[in-house]
Amino acid sequence: MATRLRPSFAIGGVKVRTGARREVSLPITRLITGAEVSLPVHVLHGREDGPTVWLDAAIHGDEVVGIEIIRRVLGQLSPKEIRGTIVAVPIVNVIGTMTNDRYLPDRRDLNRSFPGSARGSLAARIAHLMMTEIVDKCDVGIDLHTASDRRSNLPQIRCDLEDARTRELAEAFGAPVVYHARLRDGSLRSAARERGARVLLYEAGEAWRFDEWAITAGVDGVLRVLTMLGMIERPPALADPERPSEICWRSGWVRARRTGILGMGVELGQHVRAGERLGELHNSFGRRLAIVKADRDGIVIGRTEAPLVNSGDALVHIGSLEPGRPGDADEGLTDPADEAEGASMERPAADDLL
């Protein structure tokens, strides 16, 4: 009996044959010079049936860690050996990355523009293209991010822990922390979930830096998820996580109570107790102005890398590890310009709102 041949994978007017790897450029817009700007897409279409998974990075133009994660993951995969299909978009915010900017030229946040519109703003058009050509064809997505400028994040997965399948995927990834993050309107994760896809949002490292520890954890996590989905055989060099992921339902930023020069005293991943010293603030004469203390028990999942801080600035992001209820999540984060999608005790921050 003849083996049934999988149909080709259609994207952007191109059909990718089974067992083939194809690079596809999806037109976005033109520069004022007339040069075309395109969305770069890699398609690996396996010979055997399996899930269709997308990987994406640089929805914010300054988040380059994910670009390198995708390069290294694809370098380990062969379309002749995988089951299912992998669609990878290493740079979603092409213009922001080209211009060294987190946002688009009109200052819109691409990760607040989904599902987008074919006739809307530039951000809306990129979001629409991403949804129709990639997300709508996939079952699972891994959305790769970093902290915002002058902050760094512990490798962590942000996702809906109330969904059993999503939690299973998150725990397979094996990041040090899995963090319950409610869906944010306009985010890729929210729009994709409405279309029926499960999405993991990976946060790690700092903007504009190839932090090796963040890249390695991301590559290993993606490969673990692909293995768990049955798309690849477990790579011989792929190690198990050092320990199971710690679960956070809540988090909060400790803020500066004075303006001064920060001496940071904690590392990412460090466990702290309420009242524990996190650092000190001094003035330019060297006089100590304040001791920064933890406001809860938990694990440090993010921190500022800026030594000069103003009163009210977010300094240390602590994830609570005590048992929590899903309703406790997203009590607030920081300022609306930092992170991705997350939760804490203060107003949401950009890195926390992915």
Protein backbone atom coordinates (compact mmCIF):
# COMPACT_ATOMS: atom_id res chain seq x y z
CA MET A 1 0.00 0.00 0.00
CA ALA A 2 1.46 3.34 -1.08
CA THR A 3 2.25 5.94 1.57
CA ARG A 4 -0.02 8.97 1.33
CA LEU A 5 1.96 12.05 0.35
CA ARG A 6 1.30 15.13 2.44
CA PRO A 7 0.02 18.13 0.49
CA SER A 8 2.36 21.03 -0.06
CA PHE A 9 2.30 23.89 2.43
CA ALA A 10 0.93 27.08 0.88
CA ILE A 11 2.18 30.48 2.03
CA GLY A 12 2.33 33.82 0.24
CA GLY A 13 1.57 32.30 -3.15
CA VAL A 14 4.36 29.74 -2.72
CA LYS A 15 3.87 26.01 -2.23
CA VAL A 16 6.49 24.21 -0.17
CA ARG A 17 6.87 20.52 -1.02
CA THR A 18 7.08 17.83 1.64
CA GLY A 19 10.60 17.24 2.89
CA ALA A 20 11.63 20.71 1.74
CA ARG A 21 12.94 23.89 3.36
CA ARG A 22 11.96 27.19 1.78
CA GLU A 23 12.68 30.84 2.52
CA VAL A 24 9.73 33.07 1.68
CA SER A 25 9.51 36.87 1.68
CA LEU A 26 6.03 38.27 2.34
CA PRO A 27 5.73 41.90 1.13
CA ILE A 28 4.88 44.43 3.85
CA THR A 29 5.42 47.90 2.38
CA ARG A 30 7.91 50.04 0.50
CA LEU A 31 10.39 52.56 1.84
CA ILE A 32 10.34 56.10 0.50
CA THR A 33 13.25 55.02 -1.72
CA GLY A 34 10.96 52.50 -3.38
CA ALA A 35 12.75 49.50 -1.87
CA GLU A 36 10.43 46.71 -0.74
CA VAL A 37 10.25 45.66 2.92
CA SER A 38 9.27 42.02 3.42
CA LEU A 39 8.54 39.65 6.29
CA PRO A 40 11.19 36.88 6.26
CA VAL A 41 9.70 33.42 6.76
CA HIS A 42 11.40 30.02 6.93
CA VAL A 43 9.23 26.96 6.24
CA LEU A 44 10.29 23.40 7.04
CA HIS A 45 7.60 21.06 5.71
CA GLY A 46 8.06 17.52 6.97
CA ARG A 47 7.28 14.38 5.04
CA GLU A 48 5.14 12.90 7.82
CA ASP A 49 1.99 14.28 9.41
CA GLY A 50 2.29 16.24 12.63
CA PRO A 51 1.47 19.60 14.21
CA THR A 52 2.13 22.92 12.52
CA VAL A 53 4.14 25.19 14.83
CA TRP A 54 5.29 28.75 14.37
CA LEU A 55 8.26 30.48 15.99
CA ASP A 56 8.53 34.25 15.96
CA ALA A 57 10.89 36.88 17.33
CA ALA A 58 11.44 40.64 17.34
CA ILE A 59 7.82 41.74 17.46
CA HIS A 60 9.55 44.56 19.29
CA GLY A 61 12.46 45.73 17.17
CA ASP A 62 14.97 45.76 20.03
CA GLU A 63 14.37 42.15 21.12
CA VAL A 64 17.17 40.36 19.31
CA VAL A 65 17.65 37.29 21.55
CA GLY A 66 14.85 35.46 19.75
CA ILE A 67 16.44 36.07 16.35
CA GLU A 68 19.46 34.05 17.40
CA ILE A 69 17.31 31.39 19.07
CA ILE A 70 15.48 30.78 15.80
CA ARG A 71 18.73 30.67 13.81
CA ARG A 72 20.19 28.02 16.10
CA VAL A 73 17.00 25.95 16.27
CA LEU A 74 16.61 25.87 12.49
CA GLY A 75 20.26 24.90 12.15
CA GLN A 76 19.51 21.67 14.04
CA LEU A 77 16.44 20.64 12.04
CA SER A 78 15.97 18.88 8.73
CA PRO A 79 12.63 18.97 6.88
CA LYS A 80 13.32 15.40 5.76
CA GLU A 81 13.25 14.24 9.38
CA ILE A 82 10.62 16.36 11.14
CA ARG A 83 6.96 15.39 11.45
CA GLY A 84 4.57 18.22 10.70
CA THR A 85 5.57 21.74 9.69
CA ILE A 86 7.61 24.52 11.29
CA VAL A 87 7.07 28.12 10.22
CA ALA A 88 9.65 30.55 11.63
CA VAL A 89 9.60 34.35 11.46
CA PRO A 90 12.90 35.57 12.98
CA ILE A 91 12.05 39.28 12.62
CA VAL A 92 8.41 40.36 12.74
CA ASN A 93 9.01 44.09 13.30
CA VAL A 94 11.37 44.40 10.36
CA ILE A 95 11.33 48.20 10.22
CA GLY A 96 11.87 48.64 13.97
CA THR A 97 14.85 46.28 13.89
CA MET A 98 16.31 48.08 10.88
CA THR A 99 15.99 51.49 12.56
CA ASN A 100 17.12 50.36 16.05
CA ASP A 101 13.70 51.05 17.50
CA ARG A 102 11.37 48.98 19.69
CA TYR A 103 8.33 50.38 17.91
CA LEU A 104 7.28 51.25 14.38
CA PRO A 105 7.91 54.69 12.80
CA ASP A 106 4.50 55.96 13.95
CA ARG A 107 5.38 54.82 17.53
CA ARG A 108 2.76 52.09 17.50
CA ASP A 109 3.45 48.95 19.51
CA LEU A 110 3.07 46.03 17.11
CA ASN A 111 2.15 43.76 20.02
CA ARG A 112 -0.93 45.89 20.68
CA SER A 113 -2.09 45.78 17.06
CA PHE A 114 -3.30 42.19 16.56
CA PRO A 115 -5.24 40.77 14.80
CA GLY A 116 -4.73 43.80 12.58
CA SER A 117 -6.30 44.91 9.35
CA ALA A 118 -5.33 44.75 5.69
CA ARG A 119 -6.23 48.46 5.33
CA GLY A 120 -5.15 49.85 8.69
CA SER A 121 -1.95 51.41 9.99
CA LEU A 122 1.45 49.91 9.20
CA ALA A 123 1.33 48.01 12.49
CA ALA A 124 -2.17 46.72 11.72
CA ARG A 125 -1.07 45.54 8.27
CA ILE A 126 1.95 43.67 9.62
CA ALA A 127 -0.26 42.10 12.31
CA HIS A 128 -2.84 41.08 9.70
CA LEU A 129 -0.14 39.55 7.50
CA MET A 130 1.26 37.61 10.45
CA MET A 131 -2.19 36.32 11.40
CA THR A 132 -3.40 35.29 7.96
CA GLU A 133 -0.19 33.83 6.56
CA ILE A 134 1.28 32.21 9.68
CA VAL A 135 -0.90 32.01 12.80
CA ASP A 136 -4.10 30.85 11.07
CA LYS A 137 -2.19 27.86 9.66
CA CYS A 138 -0.65 26.74 12.95
CA ASP A 139 -1.66 24.79 16.06
CA VAL A 140 1.01 26.03 18.47
CA GLY A 141 3.16 29.15 18.62
CA ILE A 142 6.27 30.17 20.56
CA ASP A 143 6.59 33.96 20.77
CA LEU A 144 10.14 35.03 21.74
CA HIS A 145 10.79 38.24 23.69
CA THR A 146 13.29 39.98 25.97
CA ALA A 147 12.95 42.61 28.65
CA SER A 148 12.73 46.24 27.60
CA ASP A 149 15.65 48.66 27.40
CA ARG A 150 17.91 48.63 30.50
CA ARG A 151 16.09 45.70 32.07
CA SER A 152 16.84 42.00 32.03
CA ASN A 153 14.54 39.03 32.54
CA LEU A 154 15.15 35.56 33.92
CA PRO A 155 14.25 32.93 31.28
CA GLN A 156 10.53 32.37 31.82
CA ILE A 157 7.42 31.23 30.01
CA ARG A 158 4.34 33.43 30.26
CA CYS A 159 1.11 31.71 29.38
CA ASP A 160 -2.40 30.74 30.45
CA LEU A 161 -1.84 28.23 33.23
CA GLU A 162 -5.58 27.58 33.48
CA ASP A 163 -5.48 25.81 30.09
CA ALA A 164 -4.22 22.27 30.69
CA ARG A 165 -2.66 21.80 27.24
CA THR A 166 -0.86 25.14 27.38
CA ARG A 167 0.49 24.33 30.82
CA GLU A 168 1.73 20.97 29.55
CA LEU A 169 3.63 22.70 26.75
CA ALA A 170 5.02 25.32 29.15
CA GLU A 171 6.33 22.70 31.55
CA ALA A 172 7.88 20.78 28.66
CA PHE A 173 9.79 23.93 27.67
CA GLY A 174 11.62 23.73 30.99
CA ALA A 175 12.30 27.42 31.74
CA PRO A 176 13.20 28.22 35.37
CA VAL A 177 9.82 29.93 35.83
CA VAL A 178 6.36 29.50 34.31
CA TYR A 179 4.26 32.58 34.91
CA HIS A 180 0.48 32.90 34.65
CA ALA A 181 -0.19 35.90 32.42
CA ARG A 182 -3.67 36.91 31.44
CA LEU A 183 -4.30 37.77 27.81
CA ARG A 184 -3.76 41.38 26.75
CA ASP A 185 -5.98 42.96 24.10
CA GLY A 186 -4.09 43.52 20.88
CA SER A 187 -1.29 41.07 21.65
CA LEU A 188 -0.29 38.28 19.31
CA ARG A 189 -0.94 35.76 22.06
CA SER A 190 -4.49 36.99 22.61
CA ALA A 191 -5.36 37.10 18.90
CA ALA A 192 -3.85 33.66 18.28
CA ARG A 193 -5.74 32.12 21.20
CA GLU A 194 -9.00 33.43 19.76
CA ARG A 195 -8.13 31.54 16.55
CA GLY A 196 -7.62 28.32 18.53
CA ALA A 197 -3.79 28.19 18.80
CA ARG A 198 -1.89 27.52 22.03
CA VAL A 199 0.87 30.08 22.58
CA LEU A 200 3.93 30.17 24.83
CA LEU A 201 5.56 33.55 25.35
CA TYR A 202 9.27 33.26 26.20
CA GLU A 203 10.90 36.15 28.07
CA ALA A 204 14.65 36.21 28.66
CA GLY A 205 17.61 38.54 28.58
CA GLU A 206 17.99 42.20 27.75
CA ALA A 207 17.17 44.30 24.69
CA TRP A 208 19.88 44.66 22.03
CA ARG A 209 22.07 41.96 23.61
CA PHE A 210 22.86 38.37 22.69
CA ASP A 211 22.78 37.10 26.28
CA GLU A 212 24.12 33.57 25.86
CA TRP A 213 22.29 32.22 28.93
CA ALA A 214 18.99 33.52 27.52
CA ILE A 215 19.70 32.13 24.04
CA THR A 216 20.76 28.69 25.27
CA ALA A 217 17.70 28.33 27.52
CA GLY A 218 15.46 29.39 24.64
CA VAL A 219 16.98 26.98 22.11
CA ASP A 220 16.76 24.06 24.55
CA GLY A 221 13.18 24.96 25.47
CA VAL A 222 11.99 25.14 21.87
CA LEU A 223 13.62 21.78 21.09
CA ARG A 224 11.97 20.22 24.17
CA VAL A 225 8.55 21.43 23.02
CA LEU A 226 9.09 20.09 19.49
CA THR A 227 10.18 16.77 21.01
CA MET A 228 7.13 16.66 23.28
CA LEU A 229 4.86 17.32 20.28
CA GLY A 230 6.44 14.36 18.47
CA MET A 231 7.81 16.55 15.67
CA ILE A 232 11.46 15.60 16.20
CA GLU A 233 13.46 12.90 17.91
CA ARG A 234 15.09 14.14 21.08
CA PRO A 235 18.53 15.56 20.16
CA PRO A 236 21.27 13.56 21.93
CA ALA A 237 22.87 16.72 23.34
CA LEU A 238 19.61 18.12 24.72
CA ALA A 239 19.76 18.03 28.51
CA ASP A 240 16.83 17.86 30.89
CA PRO A 241 16.14 21.04 32.89
CA GLU A 242 18.11 21.23 36.14
CA ARG A 243 14.81 21.27 38.04
CA PRO A 244 11.09 21.53 37.27
CA SER A 245 9.80 25.00 36.43
CA GLU A 246 8.66 27.07 39.40
CA ILE A 247 5.09 28.33 39.05
CA CYS A 248 4.17 31.98 39.63
CA TRP A 249 0.57 33.16 39.74
CA ARG A 250 1.45 36.68 40.89
CA SER A 251 4.35 39.11 40.83
CA GLY A 252 5.28 42.68 41.65
CA TRP A 253 7.99 45.25 41.08
CA VAL A 254 9.88 46.76 43.99
CA ARG A 255 10.25 50.47 43.21
CA ALA A 256 12.77 53.11 44.18
CA ARG A 257 11.61 55.26 47.10
CA ARG A 258 14.37 57.80 46.50
CA THR A 259 16.30 59.15 43.51
CA GLY A 260 19.91 58.03 43.50
CA ILE A 261 22.63 55.67 42.30
CA LEU A 262 21.67 52.02 42.60
CA GLY A 263 23.91 49.29 43.90
CA MET A 264 22.07 46.10 42.92
CA GLY A 265 22.47 43.25 45.39
CA VAL A 266 20.47 40.39 43.84
CA GLU A 267 20.75 38.22 40.74
CA LEU A 268 18.11 36.89 38.38
CA GLY A 269 16.74 33.60 39.67
CA GLN A 270 17.67 34.34 43.28
CA HIS A 271 15.09 33.40 45.92
CA VAL A 272 14.33 36.20 48.37
CA ARG A 273 12.28 36.66 51.52
CA ALA A 274 10.08 39.63 52.44
CA GLY A 275 12.25 42.29 54.04
CA GLU A 276 15.49 40.94 52.54
CA ARG A 277 18.01 43.48 51.27
CA LEU A 278 17.98 43.77 47.46
CA GLY A 279 20.36 46.70 47.09
CA GLU A 280 21.12 50.25 48.18
CA LEU A 281 20.65 53.78 46.86
CA HIS A 282 23.41 56.37 47.32
CA ASN A 283 23.84 59.97 46.25
CA SER A 284 26.83 61.34 44.33
CA PHE A 285 28.65 62.07 47.62
CA GLY A 286 28.47 58.39 48.51
CA ARG A 287 25.93 58.84 51.29
CA ARG A 288 23.44 56.00 51.57
CA LEU A 289 19.91 57.21 50.95
CA ALA A 290 17.90 54.00 51.27
CA ILE A 291 18.08 50.24 51.46
CA VAL A 292 15.97 48.47 48.85
CA LYS A 293 14.06 45.57 50.41
CA ALA A 294 11.87 42.77 49.07
CA ASP A 295 8.16 43.28 49.64
CA ARG A 296 7.33 39.56 49.38
CA ASP A 297 8.79 36.07 49.34
CA GLY A 298 9.59 34.83 45.88
CA ILE A 299 12.08 34.59 43.01
CA VAL A 300 13.72 37.45 41.11
CA ILE A 301 12.36 37.23 37.55
CA GLY A 302 13.43 40.65 36.32
CA ARG A 303 15.57 43.61 37.33
CA THR A 304 16.76 46.96 36.12
CA GLU A 305 20.25 47.24 34.70
CA ALA A 306 20.28 51.05 35.00
CA PRO A 307 22.46 52.37 37.84
CA LEU A 308 20.86 55.83 37.89
CA VAL A 309 17.25 55.71 39.07
CA ASN A 310 14.49 58.14 39.91
CA SER A 311 11.99 57.83 42.70
CA GLY A 312 9.24 55.47 41.53
CA ASP A 313 11.38 53.57 39.02
CA ALA A 314 10.89 49.78 38.91
CA LEU A 315 13.98 48.02 40.27
CA VAL A 316 13.37 44.33 40.98
CA HIS A 317 10.54 42.10 39.69
CA ILE A 318 9.68 39.36 42.18
CA GLY A 319 7.46 36.40 41.28
CA SER A 320 5.50 34.97 44.18
CA LEU A 321 5.93 31.20 44.58
CA GLU A 322 3.35 30.52 47.27
CA PRO A 323 0.19 28.73 46.09
CA GLY A 324 -2.13 31.21 44.44
CA ARG A 325 -5.49 31.34 42.78
CA PRO A 326 -5.75 32.16 39.05
CA GLY A 327 -7.76 35.22 40.02
CA ASP A 328 -4.74 36.59 41.89
CA ALA A 329 -2.81 37.10 38.67
CA ASP A 330 -2.37 40.42 36.88
CA GLU A 331 -2.75 42.71 39.83
CA GLY A 332 -0.56 45.12 37.90
CA LEU A 333 3.00 45.43 36.64
CA THR A 334 4.87 48.63 35.90
CA ASP A 335 4.62 51.43 33.39
CA PRO A 336 2.96 50.89 30.02
CA ALA A 337 6.18 50.87 27.98
CA ASP A 338 8.36 48.05 29.15
CA GLU A 339 7.48 44.41 28.80
CA ALA A 340 5.14 41.87 27.29
CA GLU A 341 2.24 40.15 29.02
CA GLY A 342 2.35 39.37 32.70
CA ALA A 343 1.07 40.13 36.16
CA SER A 344 2.01 41.78 39.43
CA MET A 345 1.00 44.19 42.18
CA GLU A 346 1.35 47.42 40.25
CA ARG A 347 0.36 49.03 37.00
CA PRO A 348 1.36 46.96 33.93
CA ALA A 349 4.76 47.53 32.41
CA ALA A 350 5.59 47.04 28.76
CA ASP A 351 7.82 43.99 29.22
CA ASP A 352 5.10 42.56 31.42
CA LEU A 353 2.44 43.22 28.83
CA LEU A 354 3.66 41.22 25.85
